[in-house]
Amino acid sequence: MKDPAVLAAQLEGVDAVIASVEPYTREVLQASQLKVISRNGVGYDSVDVEAATDSGIAVAITPGVNQEAVAEHAVALMLAAAHGYPARQREAASGRWQRR
């Protein structure tokens, strides 16, 4: 997680940000000139929404934006595990892989 002081310095002169997990605390928000914070996905865990509202900063989320990709990735991981991909990858990386 990013240090709040570092984040505040990086937000200098910034009007809008697409947030991740960095801590948008009251102190960070009050030190910024942000107008909007958008989170990719759902949840406001890393944003002090009350402080943002008090500072006139809009906060938005994007629910459902990647649900299909997440589901596809989960199925791909299950198929890879079922077919022994992790072991095959280790064999290939070590130069021991042989066609079967």
PDB file of N, CA and C in Angstrom:
ATOM      1  N   MET A   1       0.831  -1.171   0.000  1.00  0.00           N
ATOM      2  CA  MET A   1       0.000   0.000   0.000  1.00  0.00           C
ATOM      3  C   MET A   1       0.886   1.247   0.000  1.00  0.00           C
ATOM      4  N   LYS A   2       0.473   2.218  -0.728  1.00  0.00           N
ATOM      5  CA  LYS A   2       1.245   3.450  -0.869  1.00  0.00           C
ATOM      6  C   LYS A   2       1.129   4.317   0.386  1.00  0.00           C
ATOM      7  N   ASP A   3       2.223   4.946   0.751  1.00  0.00           N
ATOM      8  CA  ASP A   3       2.259   5.862   1.887  1.00  0.00           C
ATOM      9  C   ASP A   3       1.372   7.069   1.574  1.00  0.00           C
ATOM     10  N   PRO A   4       0.474   7.458   2.488  1.00  0.00           N
ATOM     11  CA  PRO A   4      -0.414   8.595   2.228  1.00  0.00           C
ATOM     12  C   PRO A   4       0.325   9.884   1.867  1.00  0.00           C
ATOM     13  N   ALA A   5       1.480  10.132   2.471  1.00  0.00           N
ATOM     14  CA  ALA A   5       2.242  11.346   2.149  1.00  0.00           C
ATOM     15  C   ALA A   5       2.750  11.305   0.711  1.00  0.00           C
ATOM     16  N   VAL A   6       3.177  10.135   0.268  1.00  0.00           N
ATOM     17  CA  VAL A   6       3.642   9.966  -1.113  1.00  0.00           C
ATOM     18  C   VAL A   6       2.472  10.166  -2.069  1.00  0.00           C
ATOM     19  N   LEU A   7       1.327   9.575  -1.739  1.00  0.00           N
ATOM     20  CA  LEU A   7       0.138   9.718  -2.582  1.00  0.00           C
ATOM     21  C   LEU A   7      -0.274  11.183  -2.676  1.00  0.00           C
ATOM     22  N   ALA A   8      -0.298  11.883  -1.564  1.00  0.00           N
ATOM     23  CA  ALA A   8      -0.676  13.301  -1.576  1.00  0.00           C
ATOM     24  C   ALA A   8       0.246  14.100  -2.492  1.00  0.00           C
ATOM     25  N   ALA A   9       1.530  13.815  -2.454  1.00  0.00           N
ATOM     26  CA  ALA A   9       2.488  14.512  -3.321  1.00  0.00           C
ATOM     27  C   ALA A   9       2.236  14.188  -4.794  1.00  0.00           C
ATOM     28  N   GLN A  10       1.886  12.941  -5.082  1.00  0.00           N
ATOM     29  CA  GLN A  10       1.634  12.540  -6.469  1.00  0.00           C
ATOM     30  C   GLN A  10       0.345  13.144  -7.017  1.00  0.00           C
ATOM     31  N   LEU A  11      -0.570  13.513  -6.147  1.00  0.00           N
ATOM     32  CA  LEU A  11      -1.843  14.080  -6.585  1.00  0.00           C
ATOM     33  C   LEU A  11      -1.776  15.590  -6.808  1.00  0.00           C
ATOM     34  N   GLU A  12      -0.634  16.179  -6.556  1.00  0.00           N
ATOM     35  CA  GLU A  12      -0.472  17.617  -6.738  1.00  0.00           C
ATOM     36  C   GLU A  12      -0.766  17.994  -8.191  1.00  0.00           C
ATOM     37  N   GLY A  13      -1.709  18.909  -8.385  1.00  0.00           N
ATOM     38  CA  GLY A  13      -2.067  19.366  -9.719  1.00  0.00           C
ATOM     39  C   GLY A  13      -2.986  18.431 -10.485  1.00  0.00           C
ATOM     40  N   VAL A  14      -3.519  17.406  -9.818  1.00  0.00           N
ATOM     41  CA  VAL A  14      -4.361  16.398 -10.477  1.00  0.00           C
ATOM     42  C   VAL A  14      -5.831  16.665 -10.151  1.00  0.00           C
ATOM     43  N   ASP A  15      -6.703  16.628 -11.185  1.00  0.00           N
ATOM     44  CA  ASP A  15      -8.142  16.846 -10.994  1.00  0.00           C
ATOM     45  C   ASP A  15      -8.925  15.552 -10.828  1.00  0.00           C
ATOM     46  N   ALA A  16      -8.459  14.475 -11.479  1.00  0.00           N
ATOM     47  CA  ALA A  16      -9.200  13.213 -11.473  1.00  0.00           C
ATOM     48  C   ALA A  16      -8.225  12.049 -11.382  1.00  0.00           C
ATOM     49  N   VAL A  17      -8.686  10.968 -10.766  1.00  0.00           N
ATOM     50  CA  VAL A  17      -7.825   9.803 -10.609  1.00  0.00           C
ATOM     51  C   VAL A  17      -8.663   8.528 -10.702  1.00  0.00           C
ATOM     52  N   ILE A  18      -8.065   7.497 -11.304  1.00  0.00           N
ATOM     53  CA  ILE A  18      -8.654   6.159 -11.279  1.00  0.00           C
ATOM     54  C   ILE A  18      -7.930   5.425 -10.164  1.00  0.00           C
ATOM     55  N   ALA A  19      -8.631   5.175  -9.083  1.00  0.00           N
ATOM     56  CA  ALA A  19      -8.027   4.651  -7.859  1.00  0.00           C
ATOM     57  C   ALA A  19      -7.919   3.133  -7.880  1.00  0.00           C
ATOM     58  N   SER A  20      -6.956   2.665  -7.109  1.00  0.00           N
ATOM     59  CA  SER A  20      -6.776   1.228  -6.905  1.00  0.00           C
ATOM     60  C   SER A  20      -6.923   0.968  -5.413  1.00  0.00           C
ATOM     61  N   VAL A  21      -5.863   0.504  -4.763  1.00  0.00           N
ATOM     62  CA  VAL A  21      -5.935   0.199  -3.336  1.00  0.00           C
ATOM     63  C   VAL A  21      -5.212   1.230  -2.474  1.00  0.00           C
ATOM     64  N   GLU A  22      -4.637   2.248  -3.089  1.00  0.00           N
ATOM     65  CA  GLU A  22      -3.933   3.254  -2.308  1.00  0.00           C
ATOM     66  C   GLU A  22      -4.920   3.992  -1.396  1.00  0.00           C
ATOM     67  N   PRO A  23      -4.449   4.452  -0.218  1.00  0.00           N
ATOM     68  CA  PRO A  23      -5.344   5.018   0.800  1.00  0.00           C
ATOM     69  C   PRO A  23      -5.712   6.483   0.558  1.00  0.00           C
ATOM     70  N   TYR A  24      -6.929   6.715   0.137  1.00  0.00           N
ATOM     71  CA  TYR A  24      -7.425   8.079  -0.042  1.00  0.00           C
ATOM     72  C   TYR A  24      -8.064   8.514   1.274  1.00  0.00           C
ATOM     73  N   THR A  25      -7.206   8.899   2.220  1.00  0.00           N
ATOM     74  CA  THR A  25      -7.633   9.301   3.552  1.00  0.00           C
ATOM     75  C   THR A  25      -8.084  10.759   3.544  1.00  0.00           C
ATOM     76  N   ARG A  26      -8.682  11.176   4.649  1.00  0.00           N
ATOM     77  CA  ARG A  26      -9.106  12.576   4.778  1.00  0.00           C
ATOM     78  C   ARG A  26      -7.925  13.522   4.545  1.00  0.00           C
ATOM     79  N   GLU A  27      -6.782  13.189   5.119  1.00  0.00           N
ATOM     80  CA  GLU A  27      -5.602  14.045   4.978  1.00  0.00           C
ATOM     81  C   GLU A  27      -5.154  14.142   3.517  1.00  0.00           C
ATOM     82  N   VAL A  28      -5.160  13.012   2.825  1.00  0.00           N
ATOM     83  CA  VAL A  28      -4.774  12.996   1.409  1.00  0.00           C
ATOM     84  C   VAL A  28      -5.756  13.828   0.597  1.00  0.00           C
ATOM     85  N   LEU A  29      -7.049  13.642   0.846  1.00  0.00           N
ATOM     86  CA  LEU A  29      -8.069  14.345   0.073  1.00  0.00           C
ATOM     87  C   LEU A  29      -8.044  15.847   0.337  1.00  0.00           C
ATOM     88  N   GLN A  30      -7.833  16.246   1.580  1.00  0.00           N
ATOM     89  CA  GLN A  30      -7.791  17.675   1.905  1.00  0.00           C
ATOM     90  C   GLN A  30      -6.562  18.356   1.311  1.00  0.00           C
ATOM     91  N   ALA A  31      -5.497  17.605   1.114  1.00  0.00           N
ATOM     92  CA  ALA A  31      -4.270  18.164   0.540  1.00  0.00           C
ATOM     93  C   ALA A  31      -4.318  18.207  -0.985  1.00  0.00           C
ATOM     94  N   SER A  32      -5.359  17.641  -1.565  1.00  0.00           N
ATOM     95  CA  SER A  32      -5.426  17.555  -3.029  1.00  0.00           C
ATOM     96  C   SER A  32      -6.412  18.568  -3.588  1.00  0.00           C
ATOM     97  N   GLN A  33      -6.397  18.682  -4.919  1.00  0.00           N
ATOM     98  CA  GLN A  33      -7.399  19.497  -5.604  1.00  0.00           C
ATOM     99  C   GLN A  33      -8.275  18.603  -6.478  1.00  0.00           C
ATOM    100  N   LEU A  34      -8.403  17.349  -6.084  1.00  0.00           N
ATOM    101  CA  LEU A  34      -9.201  16.396  -6.849  1.00  0.00           C
ATOM    102  C   LEU A  34     -10.645  16.861  -6.984  1.00  0.00           C
ATOM    103  N   LYS A  35     -11.232  16.500  -8.120  1.00  0.00           N
ATOM    104  CA  LYS A  35     -12.650  16.751  -8.353  1.00  0.00           C
ATOM    105  C   LYS A  35     -13.419  15.437  -8.436  1.00  0.00           C
ATOM    106  N   VAL A  36     -12.707  14.359  -8.844  1.00  0.00           N
ATOM    107  CA  VAL A  36     -13.378  13.063  -8.970  1.00  0.00           C
ATOM    108  C   VAL A  36     -12.384  11.925  -8.743  1.00  0.00           C
ATOM    109  N   ILE A  37     -12.871  10.886  -8.065  1.00  0.00           N
ATOM    110  CA  ILE A  37     -12.128   9.643  -7.877  1.00  0.00           C
ATOM    111  C   ILE A  37     -13.012   8.538  -8.423  1.00  0.00           C
ATOM    112  N   SER A  38     -12.482   7.742  -9.324  1.00  0.00           N
ATOM    113  CA  SER A  38     -13.228   6.607  -9.865  1.00  0.00           C
ATOM    114  C   SER A  38     -12.483   5.327  -9.530  1.00  0.00           C
ATOM    115  N   ARG A  39     -13.225   4.327  -9.088  1.00  0.00           N
ATOM    116  CA  ARG A  39     -12.634   3.025  -8.771  1.00  0.00           C
ATOM    117  C   ARG A  39     -13.034   2.051  -9.865  1.00  0.00           C
ATOM    118  N   ASN A  40     -12.065   1.294 -10.355  1.00  0.00           N
ATOM    119  CA  ASN A  40     -12.333   0.265 -11.351  1.00  0.00           C
ATOM    120  C   ASN A  40     -12.852  -0.959 -10.604  1.00  0.00           C
ATOM    121  N   GLY A  41     -14.118  -1.250 -10.758  1.00  0.00           N
ATOM    122  CA  GLY A  41     -14.731  -2.365 -10.044  1.00  0.00           C
ATOM    123  C   GLY A  41     -15.710  -1.845  -9.012  1.00  0.00           C
ATOM    124  N   VAL A  42     -15.857  -2.581  -7.929  1.00  0.00           N
ATOM    125  CA  VAL A  42     -16.820  -2.204  -6.892  1.00  0.00           C
ATOM    126  C   VAL A  42     -16.110  -1.955  -5.573  1.00  0.00           C
ATOM    127  N   GLY A  43     -16.769  -1.241  -4.694  1.00  0.00           N
ATOM    128  CA  GLY A  43     -16.251  -1.013  -3.352  1.00  0.00           C
ATOM    129  C   GLY A  43     -15.475   0.276  -3.224  1.00  0.00           C
ATOM    130  N   TYR A  44     -15.581   0.830  -2.034  1.00  0.00           N
ATOM    131  CA  TYR A  44     -14.904   2.083  -1.710  1.00  0.00           C
ATOM    132  C   TYR A  44     -13.905   1.875  -0.575  1.00  0.00           C
ATOM    133  N   ASP A  45     -13.403   0.669  -0.418  1.00  0.00           N
ATOM    134  CA  ASP A  45     -12.572   0.317   0.734  1.00  0.00           C
ATOM    135  C   ASP A  45     -11.404   1.267   0.961  1.00  0.00           C
ATOM    136  N   SER A  46     -10.793   1.758  -0.077  1.00  0.00           N
ATOM    137  CA  SER A  46      -9.589   2.583   0.091  1.00  0.00           C
ATOM    138  C   SER A  46      -9.871   4.083   0.041  1.00  0.00           C
ATOM    139  N   VAL A  47     -11.143   4.448  -0.089  1.00  0.00           N
ATOM    140  CA  VAL A  47     -11.501   5.864  -0.201  1.00  0.00           C
ATOM    141  C   VAL A  47     -12.358   6.274   0.997  1.00  0.00           C
ATOM    142  N   ASP A  48     -11.955   7.335   1.679  1.00  0.00           N
ATOM    143  CA  ASP A  48     -12.769   7.901   2.755  1.00  0.00           C
ATOM    144  C   ASP A  48     -13.872   8.715   2.079  1.00  0.00           C
ATOM    145  N   VAL A  49     -15.015   8.062   1.836  1.00  0.00           N
ATOM    146  CA  VAL A  49     -16.102   8.679   1.075  1.00  0.00           C
ATOM    147  C   VAL A  49     -16.648   9.906   1.805  1.00  0.00           C
ATOM    148  N   GLU A  50     -16.753   9.840   3.110  1.00  0.00           N
ATOM    149  CA  GLU A  50     -17.249  10.992   3.877  1.00  0.00           C
ATOM    150  C   GLU A  50     -16.329  12.197   3.692  1.00  0.00           C
ATOM    151  N   ALA A  51     -15.025  11.964   3.759  1.00  0.00           N
ATOM    152  CA  ALA A  51     -14.059  13.049   3.561  1.00  0.00           C
ATOM    153  C   ALA A  51     -14.125  13.577   2.134  1.00  0.00           C
ATOM    154  N   ALA A  52     -14.297  12.684   1.173  1.00  0.00           N
ATOM    155  CA  ALA A  52     -14.415  13.115  -0.223  1.00  0.00           C
ATOM    156  C   ALA A  52     -15.647  13.993  -0.399  1.00  0.00           C
ATOM    157  N   THR A  53     -16.766  13.563   0.165  1.00  0.00           N
ATOM    158  CA  THR A  53     -18.000  14.338   0.083  1.00  0.00           C
ATOM    159  C   THR A  53     -17.817  15.702   0.739  1.00  0.00           C
ATOM    160  N   ASP A  54     -17.203  15.715   1.925  1.00  0.00           N
ATOM    161  CA  ASP A  54     -16.947  16.978   2.626  1.00  0.00           C
ATOM    162  C   ASP A  54     -16.069  17.918   1.800  1.00  0.00           C
ATOM    163  N   SER A  55     -15.185  17.354   0.982  1.00  0.00           N
ATOM    164  CA  SER A  55     -14.271  18.153   0.159  1.00  0.00           C
ATOM    165  C   SER A  55     -14.828  18.443  -1.227  1.00  0.00           C
ATOM    166  N   GLY A  56     -16.065  17.994  -1.503  1.00  0.00           N
ATOM    167  CA  GLY A  56     -16.683  18.234  -2.803  1.00  0.00           C
ATOM    168  C   GLY A  56     -16.122  17.371  -3.912  1.00  0.00           C
ATOM    169  N   ILE A  57     -15.565  16.217  -3.549  1.00  0.00           N
ATOM    170  CA  ILE A  57     -14.975  15.303  -4.533  1.00  0.00           C
ATOM    171  C   ILE A  57     -15.979  14.196  -4.836  1.00  0.00           C
ATOM    172  N   ALA A  58     -16.321  14.040  -6.106  1.00  0.00           N
ATOM    173  CA  ALA A  58     -17.226  12.962  -6.515  1.00  0.00           C
ATOM    174  C   ALA A  58     -16.470  11.635  -6.496  1.00  0.00           C
ATOM    175  N   VAL A  59     -17.151  10.582  -6.047  1.00  0.00           N
ATOM    176  CA  VAL A  59     -16.558   9.245  -6.013  1.00  0.00           C
ATOM    177  C   VAL A  59     -17.470   8.313  -6.803  1.00  0.00           C
ATOM    178  N   ALA A  60     -16.881   7.565  -7.740  1.00  0.00           N
ATOM    179  CA  ALA A  60     -17.665   6.668  -8.594  1.00  0.00           C
ATOM    180  C   ALA A  60     -17.036   5.279  -8.616  1.00  0.00           C
ATOM    181  N   ILE A  61     -17.865   4.277  -8.889  1.00  0.00           N
ATOM    182  CA  ILE A  61     -17.391   2.905  -9.075  1.00  0.00           C
ATOM    183  C   ILE A  61     -17.921   2.394 -10.407  1.00  0.00           C
ATOM    184  N   THR A  62     -17.417   1.258 -10.838  1.00  0.00           N
ATOM    185  CA  THR A  62     -17.833   0.675 -12.119  1.00  0.00           C
ATOM    186  C   THR A  62     -18.268  -0.771 -11.902  1.00  0.00           C
ATOM    187  N   PRO A  63     -19.412  -0.983 -11.247  1.00  0.00           N
ATOM    188  CA  PRO A  63     -19.840  -2.352 -10.959  1.00  0.00           C
ATOM    189  C   PRO A  63     -20.101  -3.153 -12.231  1.00  0.00           C
ATOM    190  N   GLY A  64     -19.671  -4.399 -12.209  1.00  0.00           N
ATOM    191  CA  GLY A  64     -19.938  -5.301 -13.321  1.00  0.00           C
ATOM    192  C   GLY A  64     -19.045  -5.127 -14.525  1.00  0.00           C
ATOM    193  N   VAL A  65     -18.121  -4.173 -14.484  1.00  0.00           N
ATOM    194  CA  VAL A  65     -17.321  -3.864 -15.660  1.00  0.00           C
ATOM    195  C   VAL A  65     -16.433  -5.024 -16.097  1.00  0.00           C
ATOM    196  N   ASN A  66     -15.992  -5.845 -15.161  1.00  0.00           N
ATOM    197  CA  ASN A  66     -15.088  -6.931 -15.548  1.00  0.00           C
ATOM    198  C   ASN A  66     -15.564  -8.303 -15.094  1.00  0.00           C
ATOM    199  N   GLN A  67     -16.832  -8.437 -14.784  1.00  0.00           N
ATOM    200  CA  GLN A  67     -17.321  -9.707 -14.261  1.00  0.00           C
ATOM    201  C   GLN A  67     -17.167 -10.856 -15.259  1.00  0.00           C
ATOM    202  N   GLU A  68     -17.353 -10.608 -16.530  1.00  0.00           N
ATOM    203  CA  GLU A  68     -17.207 -11.670 -17.529  1.00  0.00           C
ATOM    204  C   GLU A  68     -15.747 -12.115 -17.633  1.00  0.00           C
ATOM    205  N   ALA A  69     -14.831 -11.164 -17.660  1.00  0.00           N
ATOM    206  CA  ALA A  69     -13.406 -11.503 -17.744  1.00  0.00           C
ATOM    207  C   ALA A  69     -12.951 -12.275 -16.508  1.00  0.00           C
ATOM    208  N   VAL A  70     -13.448 -11.902 -15.340  1.00  0.00           N
ATOM    209  CA  VAL A  70     -13.086 -12.613 -14.109  1.00  0.00           C
ATOM    210  C   VAL A  70     -13.593 -14.046 -14.164  1.00  0.00           C
ATOM    211  N   ALA A  71     -14.822 -14.243 -14.624  1.00  0.00           N
ATOM    212  CA  ALA A  71     -15.383 -15.590 -14.735  1.00  0.00           C
ATOM    213  C   ALA A  71     -14.596 -16.430 -15.742  1.00  0.00           C
ATOM    214  N   GLU A  72     -14.256 -15.852 -16.884  1.00  0.00           N
ATOM    215  CA  GLU A  72     -13.475 -16.580 -17.891  1.00  0.00           C
ATOM    216  C   GLU A  72     -12.101 -16.964 -17.348  1.00  0.00           C
ATOM    217  N   HIS A  73     -11.482 -16.058 -16.622  1.00  0.00           N
ATOM    218  CA  HIS A  73     -10.162 -16.330 -16.051  1.00  0.00           C
ATOM    219  C   HIS A  73     -10.246 -17.455 -15.015  1.00  0.00           C
ATOM    220  N   ALA A  74     -11.295 -17.448 -14.202  1.00  0.00           N
ATOM    221  CA  ALA A  74     -11.469 -18.501 -13.198  1.00  0.00           C
ATOM    222  C   ALA A  74     -11.609 -19.865 -13.863  1.00  0.00           C
ATOM    223  N   VAL A  75     -12.387 -19.945 -14.935  1.00  0.00           N
ATOM    224  CA  VAL A  75     -12.552 -21.210 -15.656  1.00  0.00           C
ATOM    225  C   VAL A  75     -11.227 -21.634 -16.282  1.00  0.00           C
ATOM    226  N   ALA A  76     -10.499 -20.694 -16.867  1.00  0.00           N
ATOM    227  CA  ALA A  76      -9.203 -21.017 -17.477  1.00  0.00           C
ATOM    228  C   ALA A  76      -8.229 -21.552 -16.434  1.00  0.00           C
ATOM    229  N   LEU A  77      -8.211 -20.962 -15.247  1.00  0.00           N
ATOM    230  CA  LEU A  77      -7.335 -21.453 -14.182  1.00  0.00           C
ATOM    231  C   LEU A  77      -7.725 -22.857 -13.741  1.00  0.00           C
ATOM    232  N   MET A  78      -9.021 -23.129 -13.662  1.00  0.00           N
ATOM    233  CA  MET A  78      -9.472 -24.477 -13.284  1.00  0.00           C
ATOM    234  C   MET A  78      -9.062 -25.500 -14.338  1.00  0.00           C
ATOM    235  N   LEU A  79      -9.210 -25.142 -15.611  1.00  0.00           N
ATOM    236  CA  LEU A  79      -8.801 -26.052 -16.687  1.00  0.00           C
ATOM    237  C   LEU A  79      -7.293 -26.284 -16.660  1.00  0.00           C
ATOM    238  N   ALA A  80      -6.531 -25.240 -16.435  1.00  0.00           N
ATOM    239  CA  ALA A  80      -5.074 -25.373 -16.369  1.00  0.00           C
ATOM    240  C   ALA A  80      -4.672 -26.293 -15.225  1.00  0.00           C
ATOM    241  N   ALA A  81      -5.301 -26.121 -14.077  1.00  0.00           N
ATOM    242  CA  ALA A  81      -4.985 -26.980 -12.929  1.00  0.00           C
ATOM    243  C   ALA A  81      -5.386 -28.423 -13.202  1.00  0.00           C
ATOM    244  N   ALA A  82      -6.540 -28.625 -13.811  1.00  0.00           N
ATOM    245  CA  ALA A  82      -7.024 -29.981 -14.099  1.00  0.00           C
ATOM    246  C   ALA A  82      -6.120 -30.707 -15.088  1.00  0.00           C
ATOM    247  N   HIS A  83      -5.483 -29.972 -15.977  1.00  0.00           N
ATOM    248  CA  HIS A  83      -4.613 -30.578 -16.986  1.00  0.00           C
ATOM    249  C   HIS A  83      -3.140 -30.545 -16.587  1.00  0.00           C
ATOM    250  N   GLY A  84      -2.869 -30.206 -15.340  1.00  0.00           N
ATOM    251  CA  GLY A  84      -1.500 -30.244 -14.844  1.00  0.00           C
ATOM    252  C   GLY A  84      -0.597 -29.154 -15.371  1.00  0.00           C
ATOM    253  N   TYR A  85      -1.163 -28.028 -15.745  1.00  0.00           N
ATOM    254  CA  TYR A  85      -0.345 -26.966 -16.314  1.00  0.00           C
ATOM    255  C   TYR A  85       0.793 -26.513 -15.402  1.00  0.00           C
ATOM    256  N   PRO A  86       0.568 -26.327 -14.106  1.00  0.00           N
ATOM    257  CA  PRO A  86       1.687 -25.846 -13.271  1.00  0.00           C
ATOM    258  C   PRO A  86       2.914 -26.760 -13.350  1.00  0.00           C
ATOM    259  N   ALA A  87       2.702 -28.070 -13.314  1.00  0.00           N
ATOM    260  CA  ALA A  87       3.830 -29.008 -13.393  1.00  0.00           C
ATOM    261  C   ALA A  87       4.485 -28.949 -14.772  1.00  0.00           C
ATOM    262  N   ARG A  88       3.673 -28.867 -15.843  1.00  0.00           N
ATOM    263  CA  ARG A  88       4.230 -28.788 -17.201  1.00  0.00           C
ATOM    264  C   ARG A  88       5.030 -27.506 -17.375  1.00  0.00           C
ATOM    265  N   GLN A  89       4.550 -26.417 -16.806  1.00  0.00           N
ATOM    266  CA  GLN A  89       5.254 -25.145 -16.929  1.00  0.00           C
ATOM    267  C   GLN A  89       6.607 -25.228 -16.230  1.00  0.00           C
ATOM    268  N   ARG A  90       6.640 -25.839 -15.052  1.00  0.00           N
ATOM    269  CA  ARG A  90       7.917 -25.985 -14.338  1.00  0.00           C
ATOM    270  C   ARG A  90       8.886 -26.849 -15.143  1.00  0.00           C
ATOM    271  N   GLU A  91       8.371 -27.929 -15.769  1.00  0.00           N
ATOM    272  CA  GLU A  91       9.223 -28.786 -16.604  1.00  0.00           C
ATOM    273  C   GLU A  91       9.800 -27.993 -17.770  1.00  0.00           C
ATOM    274  N   ALA A  92       8.961 -27.225 -18.432  1.00  0.00           N
ATOM    275  CA  ALA A  92       9.418 -26.442 -19.582  1.00  0.00           C
ATOM    276  C   ALA A  92      10.449 -25.398 -19.153  1.00  0.00           C
ATOM    277  N   ALA A  93      10.196 -24.733 -18.042  1.00  0.00           N
ATOM    278  CA  ALA A  93      11.117 -23.697 -17.569  1.00  0.00           C
ATOM    279  C   ALA A  93      12.477 -24.274 -17.189  1.00  0.00           C
ATOM    280  N   SER A  94      12.488 -25.514 -16.719  1.00  0.00           N
ATOM    281  CA  SER A  94      13.757 -26.127 -16.312  1.00  0.00           C
ATOM    282  C   SER A  94      14.444 -26.867 -17.456  1.00  0.00           C
ATOM    283  N   GLY A  95      13.796 -26.917 -18.619  1.00  0.00           N
ATOM    284  CA  GLY A  95      14.373 -27.607 -19.771  1.00  0.00           C
ATOM    285  C   GLY A  95      14.134 -29.109 -19.772  1.00  0.00           C
ATOM    286  N   ARG A  96      13.267 -29.602 -18.886  1.00  0.00           N
ATOM    287  CA  ARG A  96      13.000 -31.037 -18.793  1.00  0.00           C
ATOM    288  C   ARG A  96      11.743 -31.471 -19.544  1.00  0.00           C
ATOM    289  N   TRP A  97      11.045 -30.556 -20.201  1.00  0.00           N
ATOM    290  CA  TRP A  97       9.784 -30.906 -20.841  1.00  0.00           C
ATOM    291  C   TRP A  97      10.021 -31.805 -22.044  1.00  0.00           C
ATOM    292  N   GLN A  98       9.203 -32.840 -22.161  1.00  0.00           N
ATOM    293  CA  GLN A  98       9.253 -33.726 -23.323  1.00  0.00           C
ATOM    294  C   GLN A  98       7.834 -33.916 -23.831  1.00  0.00           C
ATOM    295  N   ARG A  99       7.698 -33.900 -25.149  1.00  0.00           N
ATOM    296  CA  ARG A  99       6.384 -34.092 -25.755  1.00  0.00           C
ATOM    297  C   ARG A  99       5.868 -35.470 -25.395  1.00  0.00           C
ATOM    298  N   ARG A 100       4.617 -35.551 -25.035  1.00  0.00           N
ATOM    299  CA  ARG A 100       4.022 -36.841 -24.638  1.00  0.00           C
ATOM    300  C   ARG A 100       3.027 -37.302 -25.653  1.00  0.00           C
TER     301      ARG A 100
END
